[in-house]
Amino acid sequence: MRKVIELTGRLCQKEAITDWRQYRFNLKQLKKQYRKAQKIKYPTSKNEEKKAARCEEVHQAYQDYLLSAEELMKKSQQALKALVSLNNLLAVEQIHHYIQHAERQTNQIDRRVLKGKVIPHKEKVFSIFEEHTEWVSKGKAGVPVELGVRVCVLEDQHQFILHHRHVPRDR
């Protein structure tokens, strides 16, 4: 959502469309809701009433965040319709790309937090900027996992690289 808001706001500002003149404020408000949802913890109390009340607080924080994100996505899509007619197709396409990521992410948050479902590994995206990034389990002590790509490197006896190849994981 951060990229959707920033790019839409800047483009509307450039084209003198006044709907997004407060995009920095909207970004701060959304970030506040995100931080609130992120910081709130699930209950560990033995008392069932306290546990249920705390779970409701967690769900309400995430619902508020998702509602704000969906409203900003709709507002952004409306602005994109106006911007398409001004021949900003490349910028509009980039914003649309980030909107698709935001929709996927809000869908996953809804399923995982509010509905209690498990997200399959193949649906997870580890970077929206480098979409080929994978979860690499190394099996070593200290750093058991990393984010990146698997690469096979062939060296000779003097450690000169003879050949390299990206090894994609089957999804």
Protein backbone atom coordinates (compact mmCIF):
# COMPACT_ATOMS: atom_id res chain seq x y z
CA MET A 1 0.00 0.00 0.00
CA ARG A 2 2.89 2.36 0.68
CA LYS A 3 3.97 2.29 -2.97
CA VAL A 4 0.38 2.63 -4.21
CA ILE A 5 -0.22 5.72 -2.08
CA GLU A 6 3.15 7.33 -2.86
CA LEU A 7 3.02 6.75 -6.62
CA THR A 8 -0.64 7.74 -6.97
CA GLY A 9 -0.14 10.86 -4.86
CA ARG A 10 2.93 11.99 -6.78
CA LEU A 11 1.31 11.36 -10.16
CA CYS A 12 -1.87 13.21 -9.16
CA GLN A 13 0.22 16.06 -7.81
CA LYS A 14 2.14 16.22 -11.10
CA GLU A 15 -1.09 16.25 -13.12
CA ALA A 16 -2.80 18.74 -10.75
CA ILE A 17 -5.52 16.34 -9.62
CA THR A 18 -6.58 17.49 -6.15
CA ASP A 19 -8.06 14.21 -4.84
CA TRP A 20 -4.67 13.09 -3.54
CA ARG A 21 -3.24 16.29 -2.10
CA GLN A 22 -3.18 14.73 1.39
CA TYR A 23 -1.52 11.49 0.35
CA ARG A 24 1.29 11.88 2.92
CA PHE A 25 -1.27 12.20 5.71
CA ASN A 26 -3.16 9.16 4.41
CA LEU A 27 0.08 7.21 4.35
CA LYS A 28 0.83 8.15 7.98
CA GLN A 29 -2.68 7.16 9.08
CA LEU A 30 -2.43 3.79 7.35
CA LYS A 31 1.02 3.23 8.86
CA LYS A 32 -0.35 4.00 12.35
CA GLN A 33 -3.06 1.40 11.90
CA TYR A 34 -0.50 -1.09 10.61
CA ARG A 35 1.78 -0.51 13.61
CA LYS A 36 -1.16 -0.85 16.01
CA ALA A 37 -2.16 -4.16 14.44
CA GLN A 38 1.47 -5.29 14.41
CA LYS A 39 2.14 -4.46 18.06
CA ILE A 40 -1.03 -5.86 19.57
CA LYS A 41 -0.39 -9.34 20.95
CA TYR A 42 -2.59 -12.36 21.17
CA PRO A 43 -3.71 -13.20 24.71
CA THR A 44 -1.81 -15.57 26.99
CA SER A 45 -4.18 -15.26 29.94
CA LYS A 46 -5.78 -18.31 31.55
CA ASN A 47 -9.05 -16.39 32.02
CA GLU A 48 -11.32 -17.15 29.05
CA GLU A 49 -13.16 -13.81 29.26
CA LYS A 50 -9.93 -11.81 29.08
CA LYS A 51 -8.70 -14.07 26.30
CA ALA A 52 -11.86 -13.57 24.23
CA ALA A 53 -11.81 -9.80 24.77
CA ARG A 54 -8.15 -9.55 23.74
CA CYS A 55 -8.75 -11.69 20.63
CA GLU A 56 -11.56 -9.33 19.69
CA GLU A 57 -9.17 -6.34 20.07
CA VAL A 58 -6.64 -8.04 17.78
CA HIS A 59 -9.27 -8.80 15.16
CA GLN A 60 -10.68 -5.26 15.37
CA ALA A 61 -7.21 -3.73 14.85
CA TYR A 62 -6.65 -5.85 11.74
CA GLN A 63 -10.16 -5.16 10.43
CA ASP A 64 -9.61 -1.39 10.80
CA TYR A 65 -6.30 -1.67 8.96
CA LEU A 66 -7.77 -3.76 6.14
CA LEU A 67 -10.79 -1.45 5.80
CA SER A 68 -8.54 1.61 5.44
CA ALA A 69 -6.31 -0.19 2.94
CA GLU A 70 -9.31 -1.24 0.83
CA GLU A 71 -10.72 2.31 0.83
CA LEU A 72 -7.38 3.71 -0.32
CA MET A 73 -7.13 1.03 -3.03
CA LYS A 74 -10.58 1.97 -4.35
CA LYS A 75 -9.66 5.66 -4.27
CA SER A 76 -6.43 4.89 -6.11
CA GLN A 77 -8.25 2.89 -8.79
CA GLN A 78 -10.64 5.81 -9.35
CA ALA A 79 -7.70 8.17 -9.73
CA LEU A 80 -6.05 5.76 -12.17
CA LYS A 81 -9.13 5.92 -14.42
CA ALA A 82 -8.69 9.69 -14.64
CA LEU A 83 -4.94 9.38 -15.18
CA VAL A 84 -5.23 6.87 -18.04
CA SER A 85 -6.88 9.53 -20.18
CA LEU A 86 -3.86 11.82 -19.62
CA ASN A 87 -1.43 9.39 -21.33
CA ASN A 88 0.47 8.26 -18.23
CA LEU A 89 0.24 4.61 -19.16
CA LEU A 90 3.61 3.52 -17.80
CA ALA A 91 3.07 5.09 -14.37
CA VAL A 92 -0.52 3.82 -14.25
CA GLU A 93 0.65 0.29 -15.10
CA GLN A 94 3.24 0.42 -12.32
CA ILE A 95 0.62 1.58 -9.79
CA HIS A 96 -1.77 -1.13 -10.98
CA HIS A 97 1.01 -3.70 -10.43
CA TYR A 98 1.39 -2.57 -6.79
CA ILE A 99 -2.40 -2.57 -6.33
CA GLN A 100 -2.44 -6.25 -7.32
CA HIS A 101 0.23 -6.94 -4.67
CA ALA A 102 -1.80 -4.99 -2.09
CA GLU A 103 -4.96 -6.94 -2.90
CA ARG A 104 -3.11 -10.24 -2.55
CA GLN A 105 -1.58 -9.14 0.74
CA THR A 106 -4.88 -7.94 2.22
CA ASN A 107 -6.48 -11.19 1.14
CA GLN A 108 -3.73 -13.17 2.90
CA ILE A 109 -4.02 -11.07 6.08
CA ASP A 110 -7.76 -11.62 6.11
CA ARG A 111 -7.39 -15.37 5.64
CA ARG A 112 -4.52 -15.79 8.13
CA VAL A 113 -5.51 -13.46 10.97
CA LEU A 114 -9.27 -13.12 10.80
CA LYS A 115 -10.22 -16.55 9.50
CA GLY A 116 -7.37 -18.51 11.10
CA LYS A 117 -6.27 -20.30 7.93
CA VAL A 118 -2.73 -21.28 7.01
CA ILE A 119 -1.26 -19.66 3.90
CA PRO A 120 0.47 -22.24 1.65
CA HIS A 121 4.15 -21.56 1.02
CA LYS A 122 3.71 -21.31 -2.75
CA GLU A 123 1.37 -18.29 -2.29
CA LYS A 124 3.84 -16.32 -0.18
CA VAL A 125 5.80 -13.47 -1.75
CA PHE A 126 8.97 -12.43 0.05
CA SER A 127 9.66 -9.23 -1.89
CA ILE A 128 7.44 -7.13 -4.14
CA PHE A 129 10.50 -5.43 -5.63
CA GLU A 130 12.48 -8.60 -6.39
CA GLU A 131 9.73 -11.12 -7.12
CA HIS A 132 12.15 -13.97 -7.82
CA THR A 133 13.30 -13.95 -4.15
CA GLU A 134 12.89 -17.34 -2.46
CA TRP A 135 13.02 -18.74 1.06
CA VAL A 136 16.30 -20.66 1.14
CA SER A 137 16.72 -23.20 3.97
CA LYS A 138 20.44 -23.69 4.41
CA GLY A 139 20.42 -26.20 7.27
CA LYS A 140 23.40 -24.53 8.93
CA ALA A 141 23.78 -23.44 12.53
CA GLY A 142 23.39 -19.74 13.24
CA VAL A 143 21.58 -18.73 10.04
CA PRO A 144 19.18 -21.55 9.17
CA VAL A 145 17.31 -19.61 6.45
CA GLU A 146 17.96 -16.74 4.06
CA LEU A 147 16.04 -14.83 1.45
CA GLY A 148 17.56 -14.87 -2.01
CA VAL A 149 17.97 -17.17 -4.99
CA ARG A 150 19.67 -20.52 -5.28
CA VAL A 151 22.80 -20.42 -7.42
CA CYS A 152 25.07 -23.25 -8.48
CA VAL A 153 28.70 -22.13 -8.94
CA LEU A 154 31.43 -24.29 -10.51
CA GLU A 155 35.03 -23.40 -9.64
CA ASP A 156 38.38 -24.84 -10.60
CA GLN A 157 41.16 -25.74 -8.14
CA HIS A 158 42.27 -22.07 -7.97
CA GLN A 159 38.75 -20.82 -7.07
CA PHE A 160 38.14 -19.25 -10.47
CA ILE A 161 34.49 -19.34 -11.40
CA LEU A 162 34.02 -21.48 -14.47
CA HIS A 163 30.25 -21.52 -14.69
CA HIS A 164 27.20 -20.38 -12.71
CA ARG A 165 23.51 -21.10 -12.99
CA HIS A 166 20.35 -19.99 -11.22
CA VAL A 167 18.52 -23.01 -9.81
CA PRO A 168 14.81 -22.13 -9.49
CA ARG A 169 12.68 -24.00 -7.00
CA ASP A 170 9.59 -25.77 -8.31
CA ARG A 171 6.49 -24.01 -7.02
